Amino acid sequence: MASRGTLSFLLFVLLAPFVAAIKFTLPPGRVPAPKCIWNAVHTHALVIVTANVSPGPGQRVDIEIIDSTPQRNVYLSKRDINGETRLAVTAHAEGDVGVCLRNWLSPDVKITMAQNMSRTVDLDIDIGVDAVDYNAIANQESLSGLETEMRKLEGVVKEIEDELEYLKKREERFAITNLSTNRRVQNFAWFTLFSLIGLGVWQIFHLRAFFKRKYLID
């Protein structure tokens, strides 16, 4: 019994960084600015977005899931979400995935009335291991509670290994960049030194020729 409690506590500590929950209000507008929530993800990571939108007459909430790559990939776009909406995407690249929401004001509603209107959004974003439905896996494979906890822990360890591998690759890229930068700085320093020496030698000969023309030296 104690071992299960220890495992549960360990899972909670390890899984906490992979869960994002936020509640906010969206004011309506004719051309509303998007409200985006960004989270860092790894390639092929599963992202589960659960949006619970409160009712609001004369308003339409649209949701869009994008990434931060230069291509600005749009994973999913859905119009007029109401109540609880659950969406799932898989990240294509390393970087940030953003969940963007807009609250559009209906054309038949006066813009002056929009000041007293809004819709509340309760947003949950599960990433990686926490996005996996282990209860369904346990029912499908007839796993015990301890086996389910161990399966979760295995997923957490795998995700930590992927994170460490990613950090290792980033460190290697930074090391290569630092070496390249140091080499360029060193080459520039040598170029500057030789340029100053060359300029000094040229000035000496130039002044020597000038003084000879003025018969100041032999």
N, C-alpha and C. Protein backbone atom coordinates (compact mmCIF):
# COMPACT_ATOMS: atom_id res chain seq x y z
N MET A 1 0.84 -1.21 0.00
CA MET A 1 0.00 0.00 0.00
C MET A 1 0.87 1.26 0.00
N ALA A 2 1.94 1.21 0.83
CA ALA A 2 2.84 2.35 0.90
C ALA A 2 3.56 2.56 -0.42
N SER A 3 3.91 1.44 -1.10
CA SER A 3 4.62 1.57 -2.37
C SER A 3 3.75 2.24 -3.41
N ARG A 4 2.45 1.94 -3.41
CA ARG A 4 1.53 2.58 -4.36
C ARG A 4 1.43 4.07 -4.07
N GLY A 5 1.40 4.44 -2.78
CA GLY A 5 1.36 5.85 -2.44
C GLY A 5 2.62 6.58 -2.86
N THR A 6 3.76 5.92 -2.69
CA THR A 6 5.03 6.52 -3.12
C THR A 6 5.05 6.71 -4.62
N LEU A 7 4.59 5.71 -5.35
CA LEU A 7 4.55 5.80 -6.81
C LEU A 7 3.62 6.92 -7.25
N SER A 8 2.48 7.04 -6.59
CA SER A 8 1.53 8.09 -6.96
C SER A 8 2.12 9.47 -6.73
N PHE A 9 2.82 9.64 -5.58
CA PHE A 9 3.44 10.93 -5.30
C PHE A 9 4.53 11.25 -6.31
N LEU A 10 5.34 10.21 -6.66
CA LEU A 10 6.41 10.41 -7.63
C LEU A 10 5.85 10.78 -8.99
N LEU A 11 4.77 10.11 -9.38
CA LEU A 11 4.12 10.43 -10.66
C LEU A 11 3.58 11.85 -10.66
N PHE A 12 3.01 12.27 -9.55
CA PHE A 12 2.48 13.63 -9.48
C PHE A 12 3.58 14.66 -9.67
N VAL A 13 4.73 14.44 -9.00
CA VAL A 13 5.84 15.38 -9.10
C VAL A 13 6.40 15.42 -10.50
N LEU A 14 6.51 14.25 -11.14
CA LEU A 14 7.10 14.18 -12.47
C LEU A 14 6.15 14.68 -13.55
N LEU A 15 4.87 14.44 -13.37
CA LEU A 15 3.91 14.80 -14.41
C LEU A 15 3.46 16.25 -14.32
N ALA A 16 3.68 16.90 -13.19
CA ALA A 16 3.19 18.26 -13.01
C ALA A 16 3.63 19.23 -14.09
N PRO A 17 4.91 19.19 -14.56
CA PRO A 17 5.32 20.16 -15.57
C PRO A 17 4.65 19.97 -16.93
N PHE A 18 4.04 18.80 -17.16
CA PHE A 18 3.48 18.52 -18.47
C PHE A 18 2.00 18.84 -18.55
N VAL A 19 1.45 19.48 -17.51
CA VAL A 19 0.03 19.80 -17.47
C VAL A 19 -0.12 21.31 -17.38
N ALA A 20 -1.00 21.87 -18.19
CA ALA A 20 -1.26 23.31 -18.14
C ALA A 20 -2.76 23.53 -18.06
N ALA A 21 -3.21 24.27 -17.04
CA ALA A 21 -4.63 24.59 -16.88
C ALA A 21 -4.76 26.07 -16.61
N ILE A 22 -5.69 26.71 -17.28
CA ILE A 22 -5.85 28.16 -17.15
C ILE A 22 -7.31 28.51 -17.40
N LYS A 23 -7.76 29.56 -16.71
CA LYS A 23 -9.13 30.03 -16.88
C LYS A 23 -9.08 31.53 -17.14
N PHE A 24 -9.79 31.99 -18.17
CA PHE A 24 -9.74 33.40 -18.53
C PHE A 24 -11.03 33.78 -19.26
N THR A 25 -11.23 35.08 -19.44
CA THR A 25 -12.41 35.58 -20.15
C THR A 25 -11.98 36.13 -21.50
N LEU A 26 -12.86 35.97 -22.49
CA LEU A 26 -12.60 36.46 -23.84
C LEU A 26 -13.61 37.55 -24.18
N PRO A 27 -13.17 38.80 -24.33
CA PRO A 27 -14.10 39.85 -24.77
C PRO A 27 -14.37 39.70 -26.26
N PRO A 28 -15.57 40.02 -26.72
CA PRO A 28 -15.89 39.89 -28.14
C PRO A 28 -15.42 41.10 -28.94
N GLY A 29 -15.37 40.92 -30.25
CA GLY A 29 -14.98 42.02 -31.13
C GLY A 29 -15.32 41.69 -32.57
N ARG A 30 -15.40 42.74 -33.39
CA ARG A 30 -15.64 42.52 -34.82
C ARG A 30 -14.45 41.80 -35.46
N VAL A 31 -13.26 42.25 -35.08
CA VAL A 31 -12.03 41.56 -35.51
C VAL A 31 -11.20 41.32 -34.24
N PRO A 32 -11.56 40.31 -33.47
CA PRO A 32 -10.91 40.12 -32.16
C PRO A 32 -9.47 39.64 -32.28
N ALA A 33 -8.66 40.10 -31.36
CA ALA A 33 -7.27 39.63 -31.28
C ALA A 33 -7.27 38.23 -30.66
N PRO A 34 -6.43 37.34 -31.15
CA PRO A 34 -6.41 35.99 -30.60
C PRO A 34 -5.77 35.95 -29.22
N LYS A 35 -6.30 35.10 -28.36
CA LYS A 35 -5.71 34.82 -27.06
C LYS A 35 -5.02 33.47 -27.19
N CYS A 36 -3.68 33.46 -27.13
CA CYS A 36 -2.90 32.24 -27.38
C CYS A 36 -2.19 31.79 -26.11
N ILE A 37 -2.26 30.49 -25.86
CA ILE A 37 -1.55 29.86 -24.75
C ILE A 37 -0.50 28.94 -25.37
N TRP A 38 0.78 29.19 -25.06
CA TRP A 38 1.88 28.44 -25.68
C TRP A 38 2.49 27.46 -24.69
N ASN A 39 2.85 26.29 -25.21
CA ASN A 39 3.53 25.27 -24.41
C ASN A 39 4.63 24.63 -25.25
N ALA A 40 5.76 24.36 -24.62
CA ALA A 40 6.87 23.71 -25.32
C ALA A 40 6.58 22.21 -25.45
N VAL A 41 6.80 21.67 -26.64
CA VAL A 41 6.58 20.25 -26.90
C VAL A 41 7.74 19.70 -27.71
N HIS A 42 7.85 18.38 -27.69
CA HIS A 42 8.85 17.69 -28.50
C HIS A 42 8.18 17.08 -29.74
N THR A 43 9.00 16.70 -30.68
CA THR A 43 8.48 16.10 -31.91
C THR A 43 7.70 14.82 -31.58
N HIS A 44 6.56 14.65 -32.23
CA HIS A 44 5.68 13.48 -32.08
C HIS A 44 5.01 13.42 -30.70
N ALA A 45 5.07 14.50 -29.94
CA ALA A 45 4.39 14.51 -28.64
C ALA A 45 2.89 14.66 -28.83
N LEU A 46 2.13 13.93 -28.04
CA LEU A 46 0.67 14.01 -28.07
C LEU A 46 0.21 15.19 -27.23
N VAL A 47 -0.68 16.00 -27.79
CA VAL A 47 -1.22 17.17 -27.08
C VAL A 47 -2.74 17.06 -27.06
N ILE A 48 -3.30 17.04 -25.86
CA ILE A 48 -4.76 16.98 -25.68
C ILE A 48 -5.22 18.32 -25.13
N VAL A 49 -6.13 18.98 -25.86
CA VAL A 49 -6.66 20.28 -25.45
C VAL A 49 -8.14 20.11 -25.10
N THR A 50 -8.48 20.50 -23.88
CA THR A 50 -9.86 20.46 -23.43
C THR A 50 -10.29 21.89 -23.10
N ALA A 51 -11.23 22.41 -23.89
CA ALA A 51 -11.71 23.78 -23.71
C ALA A 51 -13.18 23.74 -23.29
N ASN A 52 -13.47 24.36 -22.17
CA ASN A 52 -14.84 24.46 -21.68
C ASN A 52 -15.26 25.92 -21.78
N VAL A 53 -16.14 26.22 -22.73
CA VAL A 53 -16.54 27.60 -23.03
C VAL A 53 -17.94 27.84 -22.48
N SER A 54 -18.07 28.92 -21.72
CA SER A 54 -19.37 29.26 -21.15
C SER A 54 -20.31 29.81 -22.24
N PRO A 55 -21.63 29.73 -22.02
CA PRO A 55 -22.58 30.27 -23.01
C PRO A 55 -22.42 31.77 -23.17
N GLY A 56 -22.78 32.26 -24.36
CA GLY A 56 -22.72 33.70 -24.61
C GLY A 56 -23.48 34.04 -25.88
N PRO A 57 -24.69 34.57 -25.77
CA PRO A 57 -25.45 34.92 -26.97
C PRO A 57 -24.78 36.05 -27.74
N GLY A 58 -24.89 35.97 -29.06
CA GLY A 58 -24.32 37.00 -29.91
C GLY A 58 -22.80 36.92 -30.03
N GLN A 59 -22.22 35.80 -29.63
CA GLN A 59 -20.77 35.63 -29.68
C GLN A 59 -20.44 34.26 -30.26
N ARG A 60 -19.29 34.18 -30.93
CA ARG A 60 -18.82 32.92 -31.51
C ARG A 60 -17.34 32.74 -31.21
N VAL A 61 -17.03 31.66 -30.52
CA VAL A 61 -15.64 31.39 -30.16
C VAL A 61 -15.06 30.36 -31.12
N ASP A 62 -13.94 30.74 -31.75
CA ASP A 62 -13.20 29.83 -32.63
C ASP A 62 -11.89 29.45 -31.97
N ILE A 63 -11.44 28.23 -32.23
CA ILE A 63 -10.19 27.75 -31.65
C ILE A 63 -9.27 27.28 -32.78
N GLU A 64 -7.99 27.51 -32.59
CA GLU A 64 -6.99 27.11 -33.58
C GLU A 64 -5.74 26.66 -32.84
N ILE A 65 -5.16 25.55 -33.30
CA ILE A 65 -3.93 25.03 -32.70
C ILE A 65 -2.82 25.15 -33.74
N ILE A 66 -1.78 25.90 -33.39
CA ILE A 66 -0.68 26.18 -34.32
C ILE A 66 0.65 25.88 -33.62
N ASP A 67 1.73 25.97 -34.38
CA ASP A 67 3.06 25.83 -33.78
C ASP A 67 3.89 27.07 -34.07
N SER A 68 5.08 27.13 -33.48
CA SER A 68 5.93 28.31 -33.57
C SER A 68 6.99 28.20 -34.66
N THR A 69 6.89 27.20 -35.53
CA THR A 69 7.85 27.06 -36.61
C THR A 69 7.67 28.19 -37.62
N PRO A 70 8.70 28.47 -38.45
CA PRO A 70 8.54 29.53 -39.46
C PRO A 70 7.36 29.29 -40.40
N GLN A 71 7.01 28.01 -40.62
CA GLN A 71 5.87 27.70 -41.50
C GLN A 71 4.54 28.00 -40.84
N ARG A 72 4.55 28.15 -39.50
CA ARG A 72 3.32 28.42 -38.74
C ARG A 72 2.25 27.38 -39.07
N ASN A 73 2.59 26.13 -38.86
CA ASN A 73 1.67 25.03 -39.18
C ASN A 73 0.39 25.13 -38.35
N VAL A 74 -0.72 24.91 -39.00
CA VAL A 74 -2.03 24.89 -38.32
C VAL A 74 -2.44 23.42 -38.18
N TYR A 75 -2.41 22.92 -36.95
CA TYR A 75 -2.76 21.53 -36.72
C TYR A 75 -4.26 21.30 -36.77
N LEU A 76 -5.00 22.27 -36.27
CA LEU A 76 -6.44 22.07 -36.16
C LEU A 76 -7.12 23.43 -36.04
N SER A 77 -8.28 23.56 -36.65
CA SER A 77 -9.06 24.80 -36.56
C SER A 77 -10.54 24.42 -36.47
N LYS A 78 -11.22 25.00 -35.48
CA LYS A 78 -12.64 24.68 -35.29
C LYS A 78 -13.40 25.95 -34.95
N ARG A 79 -14.56 26.11 -35.59
CA ARG A 79 -15.39 27.29 -35.39
C ARG A 79 -16.53 27.00 -34.42
N ASP A 80 -16.92 28.06 -33.71
CA ASP A 80 -18.11 28.05 -32.87
C ASP A 80 -18.13 26.88 -31.88
N ILE A 81 -17.17 26.88 -30.97
CA ILE A 81 -17.14 25.83 -29.94
C ILE A 81 -17.99 26.28 -28.76
N ASN A 82 -18.71 25.34 -28.18
CA ASN A 82 -19.58 25.60 -27.04
C ASN A 82 -19.44 24.45 -26.06
N GLY A 83 -19.59 24.79 -24.78
CA GLY A 83 -19.48 23.76 -23.76
C GLY A 83 -18.08 23.17 -23.75
N GLU A 84 -18.00 21.87 -23.48
CA GLU A 84 -16.70 21.19 -23.41
C GLU A 84 -16.32 20.64 -24.78
N THR A 85 -15.14 21.01 -25.23
CA THR A 85 -14.61 20.54 -26.51
C THR A 85 -13.24 19.93 -26.27
N ARG A 86 -13.05 18.71 -26.75
CA ARG A 86 -11.79 17.99 -26.54
C ARG A 86 -11.13 17.77 -27.90
N LEU A 87 -9.89 18.21 -28.03
CA LEU A 87 -9.15 18.13 -29.29
C LEU A 87 -7.80 17.47 -29.03
N ALA A 88 -7.34 16.70 -30.02
CA ALA A 88 -6.05 16.00 -29.90
C ALA A 88 -5.23 16.23 -31.16
N VAL A 89 -3.96 16.58 -30.98
CA VAL A 89 -3.03 16.76 -32.10
C VAL A 89 -1.69 16.14 -31.72
N THR A 90 -0.87 15.90 -32.73
CA THR A 90 0.49 15.40 -32.53
C THR A 90 1.47 16.40 -33.12
N ALA A 91 2.44 16.82 -32.31
CA ALA A 91 3.40 17.83 -32.75
C ALA A 91 4.28 17.27 -33.87
N HIS A 92 4.48 18.08 -34.90
CA HIS A 92 5.30 17.67 -36.04
C HIS A 92 6.76 18.07 -35.87
N ALA A 93 7.03 19.07 -35.03
CA ALA A 93 8.39 19.58 -34.92
C ALA A 93 8.66 20.03 -33.49
N GLU A 94 9.95 20.18 -33.19
CA GLU A 94 10.36 20.66 -31.88
C GLU A 94 10.06 22.15 -31.77
N GLY A 95 9.50 22.54 -30.64
CA GLY A 95 9.19 23.96 -30.46
C GLY A 95 7.99 24.16 -29.56
N ASP A 96 7.24 25.21 -29.83
CA ASP A 96 6.06 25.55 -29.03
C ASP A 96 4.79 25.30 -29.83
N VAL A 97 3.78 24.83 -29.14
CA VAL A 97 2.44 24.68 -29.73
C VAL A 97 1.51 25.65 -29.02
N GLY A 98 0.79 26.43 -29.81
CA GLY A 98 -0.10 27.44 -29.25
C GLY A 98 -1.57 27.11 -29.49
N VAL A 99 -2.36 27.30 -28.45
CA VAL A 99 -3.82 27.16 -28.54
C VAL A 99 -4.40 28.57 -28.57
N CYS A 100 -4.96 28.98 -29.70
CA CYS A 100 -5.44 30.35 -29.89
C CYS A 100 -6.96 30.37 -29.99
N LEU A 101 -7.58 31.30 -29.27
CA LEU A 101 -9.03 31.44 -29.28
C LEU A 101 -9.40 32.87 -29.62
N ARG A 102 -10.48 33.02 -30.38
CA ARG A 102 -11.03 34.33 -30.74
C ARG A 102 -12.53 34.33 -30.41
N ASN A 103 -13.00 35.46 -29.94
CA ASN A 103 -14.42 35.63 -29.64
C ASN A 103 -14.99 36.67 -30.59
N TRP A 104 -15.75 36.20 -31.59
CA TRP A 104 -16.31 37.07 -32.62
C TRP A 104 -17.68 37.60 -32.19
N LEU A 105 -17.87 38.89 -32.38
CA LEU A 105 -19.15 39.50 -32.07
C LEU A 105 -20.08 39.37 -33.27
N SER A 106 -21.31 38.96 -33.00
CA SER A 106 -22.28 38.78 -34.08
C SER A 106 -22.57 40.12 -34.76
N PRO A 107 -22.74 40.12 -36.10
CA PRO A 107 -22.99 41.37 -36.82
C PRO A 107 -24.26 42.09 -36.39
N ASP A 108 -25.23 41.35 -35.88
CA ASP A 108 -26.49 41.99 -35.48
C ASP A 108 -26.46 42.55 -34.06
N VAL A 109 -25.30 42.49 -33.41
CA VAL A 109 -25.15 43.05 -32.05
C VAL A 109 -24.38 44.36 -32.16
N LYS A 110 -24.89 45.40 -31.52
CA LYS A 110 -24.22 46.70 -31.56
C LYS A 110 -22.89 46.63 -30.83
N ILE A 111 -21.90 47.34 -31.37
CA ILE A 111 -20.56 47.32 -30.81
C ILE A 111 -20.52 47.90 -29.40
N THR A 112 -21.47 48.82 -29.10
CA THR A 112 -21.51 49.43 -27.76
C THR A 112 -21.92 48.41 -26.70
N MET A 113 -22.65 47.38 -27.10
CA MET A 113 -23.09 46.36 -26.15
C MET A 113 -21.97 45.38 -25.83
N ALA A 114 -20.92 45.37 -26.64
CA ALA A 114 -19.84 44.39 -26.45
C ALA A 114 -19.05 44.64 -25.17
N GLN A 115 -19.14 45.88 -24.63
CA GLN A 115 -18.38 46.19 -23.42
C GLN A 115 -18.84 45.35 -22.23
N ASN A 116 -20.09 44.95 -22.22
CA ASN A 116 -20.63 44.17 -21.11
C ASN A 116 -20.74 42.69 -21.44
N MET A 117 -20.08 42.26 -22.52
CA MET A 117 -20.19 40.87 -22.95
C MET A 117 -18.82 40.19 -22.90
N SER A 118 -18.82 38.92 -22.61
CA SER A 118 -17.59 38.12 -22.61
C SER A 118 -17.98 36.66 -22.45
N ARG A 119 -17.02 35.80 -22.71
CA ARG A 119 -17.21 34.37 -22.50
C ARG A 119 -16.03 33.83 -21.72
N THR A 120 -16.32 32.97 -20.77
CA THR A 120 -15.28 32.41 -19.92
C THR A 120 -14.81 31.08 -20.51
N VAL A 121 -13.49 30.92 -20.56
CA VAL A 121 -12.89 29.71 -21.11
C VAL A 121 -12.06 29.03 -20.03
N ASP A 122 -12.35 27.78 -19.78
CA ASP A 122 -11.56 26.94 -18.87
C ASP A 122 -10.76 25.99 -19.74
N LEU A 123 -9.45 26.22 -19.82
CA LEU A 123 -8.61 25.51 -20.78
C LEU A 123 -7.64 24.58 -20.06
N ASP A 124 -7.64 23.32 -20.45
CA ASP A 124 -6.68 22.33 -19.95
C ASP A 124 -5.86 21.81 -21.12
N ILE A 125 -4.55 21.79 -20.96
CA ILE A 125 -3.65 21.29 -22.00
C ILE A 125 -2.77 20.20 -21.40
N ASP A 126 -2.94 19.00 -21.89
CA ASP A 126 -2.15 17.85 -21.43
C ASP A 126 -1.16 17.49 -22.52
N ILE A 127 0.10 17.32 -22.14
CA ILE A 127 1.17 17.07 -23.10
C ILE A 127 1.92 15.80 -22.73
N GLY A 128 2.23 15.01 -23.75
CA GLY A 128 3.07 13.83 -23.54
C GLY A 128 2.37 12.74 -22.76
N VAL A 129 3.01 12.30 -21.69
CA VAL A 129 2.51 11.16 -20.92
C VAL A 129 1.15 11.46 -20.32
N ASP A 130 0.95 12.68 -19.84
CA ASP A 130 -0.31 13.00 -19.17
C ASP A 130 -1.48 13.02 -20.14
N ALA A 131 -1.20 13.11 -21.46
CA ALA A 131 -2.27 13.10 -22.44
C ALA A 131 -2.75 11.69 -22.77
N VAL A 132 -2.03 10.68 -22.30
CA VAL A 132 -2.40 9.28 -22.58
C VAL A 132 -3.48 8.83 -21.60
N ASP A 133 -4.51 8.19 -22.11
CA ASP A 133 -5.59 7.68 -21.27
C ASP A 133 -5.20 6.30 -20.75
N TYR A 134 -4.55 6.28 -19.59
CA TYR A 134 -4.08 5.00 -19.03
C TYR A 134 -5.23 4.16 -18.47
N ASN A 135 -6.33 4.79 -18.13
CA ASN A 135 -7.48 4.01 -17.67
C ASN A 135 -8.02 3.15 -18.80
N ALA A 136 -8.09 3.71 -20.00
CA ALA A 136 -8.54 2.92 -21.15
C ALA A 136 -7.56 1.80 -21.45
N ILE A 137 -6.26 2.09 -21.34
CA ILE A 137 -5.25 1.05 -21.57
C ILE A 137 -5.37 -0.05 -20.53
N ALA A 138 -5.61 0.35 -19.27
CA ALA A 138 -5.74 -0.64 -18.21
C ALA A 138 -6.96 -1.53 -18.43
N ASN A 139 -8.06 -0.95 -18.87
CA ASN A 139 -9.26 -1.76 -19.15
C ASN A 139 -9.05 -2.68 -20.34
N GLN A 140 -8.33 -2.16 -21.35
CA GLN A 140 -8.12 -2.96 -22.55
C GLN A 140 -7.16 -4.12 -22.31
N GLU A 141 -6.13 -3.89 -21.50
CA GLU A 141 -5.12 -4.91 -21.27
C GLU A 141 -5.28 -5.61 -19.92
N SER A 142 -6.36 -5.27 -19.20
CA SER A 142 -6.66 -5.89 -17.89
C SER A 142 -5.49 -5.72 -16.93
N LEU A 143 -5.04 -4.49 -16.78
CA LEU A 143 -3.91 -4.21 -15.89
C LEU A 143 -4.42 -3.90 -14.49
N SER A 144 -3.63 -4.28 -13.50
CA SER A 144 -3.96 -3.94 -12.12
C SER A 144 -3.58 -2.49 -11.86
N GLY A 145 -3.97 -1.99 -10.69
CA GLY A 145 -3.65 -0.61 -10.36
C GLY A 145 -2.15 -0.36 -10.33
N LEU A 146 -1.40 -1.28 -9.74
CA LEU A 146 0.05 -1.13 -9.66
C LEU A 146 0.68 -1.20 -11.05
N GLU A 147 0.17 -2.11 -11.88
CA GLU A 147 0.70 -2.21 -13.25
C GLU A 147 0.43 -0.94 -14.05
N THR A 148 -0.74 -0.34 -13.80
CA THR A 148 -1.07 0.91 -14.48
C THR A 148 -0.13 2.02 -14.06
N GLU A 149 0.14 2.09 -12.73
CA GLU A 149 1.07 3.09 -12.22
C GLU A 149 2.47 2.89 -12.80
N MET A 150 2.88 1.62 -12.92
CA MET A 150 4.20 1.32 -13.48
C MET A 150 4.24 1.70 -14.96
N ARG A 151 3.13 1.50 -15.68
CA ARG A 151 3.08 1.89 -17.09
C ARG A 151 3.20 3.42 -17.22
N LYS A 152 2.54 4.14 -16.31
CA LYS A 152 2.67 5.59 -16.32
C LYS A 152 4.11 6.00 -16.04
N LEU A 153 4.71 5.37 -15.04
CA LEU A 153 6.09 5.69 -14.68
C LEU A 153 7.04 5.39 -15.83
N GLU A 154 6.77 4.31 -16.55
CA GLU A 154 7.59 3.98 -17.72
C GLU A 154 7.50 5.07 -18.78
N GLY A 155 6.28 5.57 -18.99
CA GLY A 155 6.11 6.66 -19.95
C GLY A 155 6.83 7.92 -19.51
N VAL A 156 6.78 8.22 -18.19
CA VAL A 156 7.46 9.40 -17.67
C VAL A 156 8.97 9.28 -17.87
N VAL A 157 9.51 8.11 -17.56
CA VAL A 157 10.96 7.88 -17.73
C VAL A 157 11.36 8.04 -19.19
N LYS A 158 10.51 7.50 -20.10
CA LYS A 158 10.81 7.63 -21.53
C LYS A 158 10.81 9.11 -21.94
N GLU A 159 9.86 9.87 -21.41
CA GLU A 159 9.80 11.29 -21.76
C GLU A 159 10.99 12.05 -21.20
N ILE A 160 11.44 11.67 -20.00
CA ILE A 160 12.62 12.30 -19.42
C ILE A 160 13.86 11.97 -20.25
N GLU A 161 13.95 10.72 -20.71
CA GLU A 161 15.07 10.34 -21.58
C GLU A 161 15.06 11.16 -22.87
N ASP A 162 13.88 11.34 -23.45
CA ASP A 162 13.78 12.15 -24.67
C ASP A 162 14.20 13.59 -24.40
N GLU A 163 13.80 14.11 -23.23
CA GLU A 163 14.17 15.48 -22.87
C GLU A 163 15.69 15.61 -22.71
N LEU A 164 16.30 14.62 -22.05
CA LEU A 164 17.76 14.66 -21.87
C LEU A 164 18.48 14.53 -23.21
N GLU A 165 17.94 13.69 -24.10
CA GLU A 165 18.54 13.55 -25.43
C GLU A 165 18.43 14.86 -26.21
N TYR A 166 17.29 15.52 -26.08
CA TYR A 166 17.10 16.80 -26.75
C TYR A 166 18.08 17.84 -26.20
N LEU A 167 18.24 17.88 -24.87
CA LEU A 167 19.18 18.82 -24.27
C LEU A 167 20.61 18.52 -24.68
N LYS A 168 20.93 17.23 -24.82
CA LYS A 168 22.27 16.85 -25.25
C LYS A 168 22.54 17.34 -26.67
N LYS A 169 21.55 17.18 -27.55
CA LYS A 169 21.72 17.65 -28.93
C LYS A 169 21.85 19.17 -28.98
N ARG A 170 21.06 19.85 -28.17
CA ARG A 170 21.15 21.30 -28.13
C ARG A 170 22.53 21.74 -27.62
N GLU A 171 23.04 21.03 -26.60
CA GLU A 171 24.36 21.36 -26.08
C GLU A 171 25.43 21.17 -27.15
N GLU A 172 25.29 20.09 -27.95
CA GLU A 172 26.25 19.85 -29.03
C GLU A 172 26.18 20.96 -30.07
N ARG A 173 24.94 21.38 -30.42
CA ARG A 173 24.80 22.47 -31.38
C ARG A 173 25.40 23.77 -30.85
N PHE A 174 25.17 24.04 -29.56
CA PHE A 174 25.73 25.25 -28.97
C PHE A 174 27.25 25.19 -28.94
N ALA A 175 27.80 24.00 -28.65
CA ALA A 175 29.25 23.87 -28.63
C ALA A 175 29.84 24.13 -30.01
N ILE A 176 29.19 23.58 -31.05
CA ILE A 176 29.65 23.81 -32.42
C ILE A 176 29.56 25.30 -32.77
N THR A 177 28.46 25.93 -32.37
CA THR A 177 28.29 27.36 -32.63
C THR A 177 29.35 28.18 -31.91
N ASN A 178 29.65 27.82 -30.65
CA ASN A 178 30.68 28.54 -29.89
C ASN A 178 32.05 28.39 -30.54
N LEU A 179 32.38 27.18 -30.99
CA LEU A 179 33.67 26.97 -31.64
C LEU A 179 33.77 27.78 -32.92
N SER A 180 32.68 27.78 -33.70
CA SER A 180 32.67 28.54 -34.94
C SER A 180 32.80 30.04 -34.66
N THR A 181 32.09 30.53 -33.64
CA THR A 181 32.17 31.94 -33.29
C THR A 181 33.56 32.31 -32.81
N ASN A 182 34.15 31.47 -31.96
CA ASN A 182 35.50 31.74 -31.46
C ASN A 182 36.51 31.77 -32.61
N ARG A 183 36.34 30.86 -33.57
CA ARG A 183 37.26 30.82 -34.71
C ARG A 183 37.13 32.10 -35.54
N ARG A 184 35.91 32.56 -35.76
CA ARG A 184 35.71 33.79 -36.53
C ARG A 184 36.27 35.00 -35.80
N VAL A 185 36.05 35.05 -34.47
CA VAL A 185 36.59 36.16 -33.69
C VAL A 185 38.11 36.16 -33.73
N GLN A 186 38.69 34.95 -33.61
CA GLN A 186 40.14 34.84 -33.66
C GLN A 186 40.68 35.27 -35.02
N ASN A 187 40.03 34.84 -36.10
CA ASN A 187 40.46 35.24 -37.44
C ASN A 187 40.34 36.76 -37.63
N PHE A 188 39.27 37.32 -37.11
CA PHE A 188 39.09 38.78 -37.21
C PHE A 188 40.16 39.51 -36.42
N ALA A 189 40.51 38.96 -35.24
CA ALA A 189 41.55 39.59 -34.43
C ALA A 189 42.89 39.57 -35.15
N TRP A 190 43.25 38.42 -35.78
CA TRP A 190 44.50 38.34 -36.53
C TRP A 190 44.47 39.30 -37.74
N PHE A 191 43.31 39.37 -38.40
CA PHE A 191 43.18 40.29 -39.55
C PHE A 191 43.38 41.73 -39.10
N THR A 192 42.79 42.08 -37.96
CA THR A 192 42.93 43.44 -37.44
C THR A 192 44.39 43.74 -37.09
N LEU A 193 45.04 42.76 -36.45
CA LEU A 193 46.44 42.94 -36.06
C LEU A 193 47.33 43.16 -37.27
N PHE A 194 47.19 42.27 -38.27
CA PHE A 194 48.02 42.40 -39.47
C PHE A 194 47.71 43.70 -40.24
N SER A 195 46.42 44.08 -40.21
CA SER A 195 46.04 45.34 -40.87
C SER A 195 46.71 46.53 -40.19
N LEU A 196 46.73 46.54 -38.86
CA LEU A 196 47.37 47.63 -38.13
C LEU A 196 48.87 47.65 -38.36
N ILE A 197 49.47 46.45 -38.37
CA ILE A 197 50.92 46.39 -38.65
C ILE A 197 51.22 46.90 -40.06
N GLY A 198 50.41 46.44 -41.03
CA GLY A 198 50.60 46.90 -42.41
C GLY A 198 50.42 48.40 -42.54
N LEU A 199 49.38 48.92 -41.84
CA LEU A 199 49.14 50.36 -41.89
C LEU A 199 50.29 51.13 -41.26
N GLY A 200 50.83 50.60 -40.15
CA GLY A 200 51.96 51.25 -39.51
C GLY A 200 53.19 51.28 -40.39
N VAL A 201 53.49 50.15 -41.06
CA VAL A 201 54.63 50.09 -41.97
C VAL A 201 54.45 51.06 -43.13
N TRP A 202 53.22 51.10 -43.68
CA TRP A 202 52.96 52.04 -44.79
C TRP A 202 53.15 53.48 -44.36
N GLN A 203 52.67 53.83 -43.14
CA GLN A 203 52.84 55.20 -42.64
C GLN A 203 54.32 55.55 -42.48
N ILE A 204 55.13 54.59 -42.02
CA ILE A 204 56.57 54.85 -41.85
C ILE A 204 57.21 55.18 -43.20
N PHE A 205 56.94 54.33 -44.22
CA PHE A 205 57.52 54.58 -45.53
C PHE A 205 56.98 55.88 -46.15
N HIS A 206 55.69 56.13 -45.93
CA HIS A 206 55.09 57.35 -46.47
C HIS A 206 55.73 58.60 -45.84
N LEU A 207 55.88 58.57 -44.52
CA LEU A 207 56.50 59.71 -43.85
C LEU A 207 57.98 59.85 -44.24
N ARG A 208 58.64 58.72 -44.40
CA ARG A 208 60.04 58.78 -44.81
C ARG A 208 60.17 59.43 -46.20
N ALA A 209 59.31 59.03 -47.14
CA ALA A 209 59.34 59.64 -48.47
C ALA A 209 58.98 61.12 -48.41
N PHE A 210 58.04 61.49 -47.55
CA PHE A 210 57.63 62.89 -47.41
C PHE A 210 58.79 63.75 -46.88
N PHE A 211 59.45 63.24 -45.84
CA PHE A 211 60.57 63.99 -45.28
C PHE A 211 61.72 64.11 -46.27
N LYS A 212 61.93 63.09 -47.09
CA LYS A 212 62.99 63.17 -48.10
C LYS A 212 62.67 64.25 -49.13
N ARG A 213 61.38 64.34 -49.52
CA ARG A 213 61.00 65.36 -50.51
C ARG A 213 61.20 66.77 -49.94
N LYS A 214 61.04 66.89 -48.63
CA LYS A 214 61.23 68.19 -47.97
C LYS A 214 62.66 68.41 -47.55
N TYR A 215 63.52 67.45 -47.89
CA TYR A 215 64.95 67.52 -47.55
C TYR A 215 65.16 67.64 -46.04
N LEU A 216 64.29 67.00 -45.30
CA LEU A 216 64.46 67.00 -43.85
C LEU A 216 65.35 65.86 -43.38
N ILE A 217 65.43 64.80 -44.20
CA ILE A 217 66.32 63.69 -43.90
C ILE A 217 66.99 63.29 -45.18
N ASP A 218 68.11 62.56 -45.04
CA ASP A 218 68.83 62.09 -46.23
C ASP A 218 68.19 60.81 -46.75
